[in-house]
Amino acid sequence: MKRINIPEAVRAQSGRGQSALEYLVTYGWAFVAMVIISISLWYTGAFDPLSFAGGGST
């Protein structure tokens, strides 16, 4: 049975932890950007069905 030194085990876990953190940060920023864009489109009335139907006045 191979013995693993504690520092080697910690390095292996920190590498996986760093990858997970990079993943969360990258896609977290993308999610925040999508939310901001969606809110700004909603605020400007881009999702108003009356604007597409021509029933409302502009």
C-alpha atoms as a PDB file:
ATOM      1  CA  MET A   1       0.000   0.000   0.000  1.00  0.00           C
ATOM      2  CA  LYS A   2       1.422   3.361  -1.033  1.00  0.00           C
ATOM      3  CA  ARG A   3       1.557   6.065   1.586  1.00  0.00           C
ATOM      4  CA  ILE A   4       0.704   9.569   0.458  1.00  0.00           C
ATOM      5  CA  ASN A   5       2.265  12.470   2.229  1.00  0.00           C
ATOM      6  CA  ILE A   6      -0.167  15.021   3.591  1.00  0.00           C
ATOM      7  CA  PRO A   7       1.186  17.864   1.418  1.00  0.00           C
ATOM      8  CA  GLU A   8       0.615  15.801  -1.767  1.00  0.00           C
ATOM      9  CA  ALA A   9      -2.997  15.135  -0.798  1.00  0.00           C
ATOM     10  CA  VAL A  10      -3.545  18.807  -0.021  1.00  0.00           C
ATOM     11  CA  ARG A  11      -2.051  19.843  -3.376  1.00  0.00           C
ATOM     12  CA  ALA A  12      -4.339  17.430  -5.231  1.00  0.00           C
ATOM     13  CA  GLN A  13      -7.397  18.814  -3.466  1.00  0.00           C
ATOM     14  CA  SER A  14      -6.384  22.438  -3.979  1.00  0.00           C
ATOM     15  CA  GLY A  15      -6.017  21.834  -7.730  1.00  0.00           C
ATOM     16  CA  ARG A  16      -9.530  20.468  -7.919  1.00  0.00           C
ATOM     17  CA  GLY A  17     -10.780  23.265  -5.698  1.00  0.00           C
ATOM     18  CA  GLN A  18      -9.170  25.871  -7.923  1.00  0.00           C
ATOM     19  CA  SER A  19     -10.783  24.340 -11.011  1.00  0.00           C
ATOM     20  CA  ALA A  20     -14.176  24.337  -9.317  1.00  0.00           C
ATOM     21  CA  LEU A  21     -13.758  27.940  -8.215  1.00  0.00           C
ATOM     22  CA  GLU A  22     -12.732  29.058 -11.713  1.00  0.00           C
ATOM     23  CA  TYR A  23     -15.786  27.276 -13.140  1.00  0.00           C
ATOM     24  CA  LEU A  24     -18.143  28.939 -10.661  1.00  0.00           C
ATOM     25  CA  VAL A  25     -16.641  32.393 -11.170  1.00  0.00           C
ATOM     26  CA  THR A  26     -16.710  32.166 -14.958  1.00  0.00           C
ATOM     27  CA  TYR A  27     -20.291  30.961 -15.225  1.00  0.00           C
ATOM     28  CA  GLY A  28     -21.345  33.158 -12.310  1.00  0.00           C
ATOM     29  CA  TRP A  29     -20.327  36.274 -14.231  1.00  0.00           C
ATOM     30  CA  ALA A  30     -22.119  34.970 -17.330  1.00  0.00           C
ATOM     31  CA  PHE A  31     -25.279  34.410 -15.267  1.00  0.00           C
ATOM     32  CA  VAL A  32     -25.071  37.903 -13.755  1.00  0.00           C
ATOM     33  CA  ALA A  33     -24.653  39.412 -17.235  1.00  0.00           C
ATOM     34  CA  MET A  34     -27.694  37.498 -18.534  1.00  0.00           C
ATOM     35  CA  VAL A  35     -29.802  38.674 -15.589  1.00  0.00           C
ATOM     36  CA  ILE A  36     -28.771  42.312 -16.131  1.00  0.00           C
ATOM     37  CA  ILE A  37     -29.531  42.116 -19.855  1.00  0.00           C
ATOM     38  CA  SER A  38     -32.894  40.453 -19.202  1.00  0.00           C
ATOM     39  CA  ILE A  39     -33.888  43.066 -16.627  1.00  0.00           C
ATOM     40  CA  SER A  40     -32.884  45.916 -18.928  1.00  0.00           C
ATOM     41  CA  LEU A  41     -34.896  44.415 -21.810  1.00  0.00           C
ATOM     42  CA  TRP A  42     -37.909  43.950 -19.535  1.00  0.00           C
ATOM     43  CA  TYR A  43     -37.580  47.513 -18.246  1.00  0.00           C
ATOM     44  CA  THR A  44     -37.516  48.945 -21.769  1.00  0.00           C
ATOM     45  CA  GLY A  45     -40.656  46.974 -22.717  1.00  0.00           C
ATOM     46  CA  ALA A  46     -39.102  44.470 -25.082  1.00  0.00           C
ATOM     47  CA  PHE A  47     -41.292  41.686 -23.644  1.00  0.00           C
ATOM     48  CA  ASP A  48     -44.567  43.629 -23.923  1.00  0.00           C
ATOM     49  CA  PRO A  49     -46.917  41.630 -26.173  1.00  0.00           C
ATOM     50  CA  LEU A  50     -48.894  44.736 -27.112  1.00  0.00           C
ATOM     51  CA  SER A  51     -45.848  46.230 -28.777  1.00  0.00           C
ATOM     52  CA  PHE A  52     -45.739  43.268 -31.181  1.00  0.00           C
ATOM     53  CA  ALA A  53     -49.492  43.130 -31.801  1.00  0.00           C
ATOM     54  CA  GLY A  54     -49.777  46.771 -32.750  1.00  0.00           C
ATOM     55  CA  GLY A  55     -52.675  47.295 -30.339  1.00  0.00           C
ATOM     56  CA  GLY A  56     -50.931  49.815 -28.139  1.00  0.00           C
ATOM     57  CA  SER A  57     -49.927  53.367 -28.833  1.00  0.00           C
ATOM     58  CA  THR A  58     -46.256  54.273 -28.776  1.00  0.00           C
END
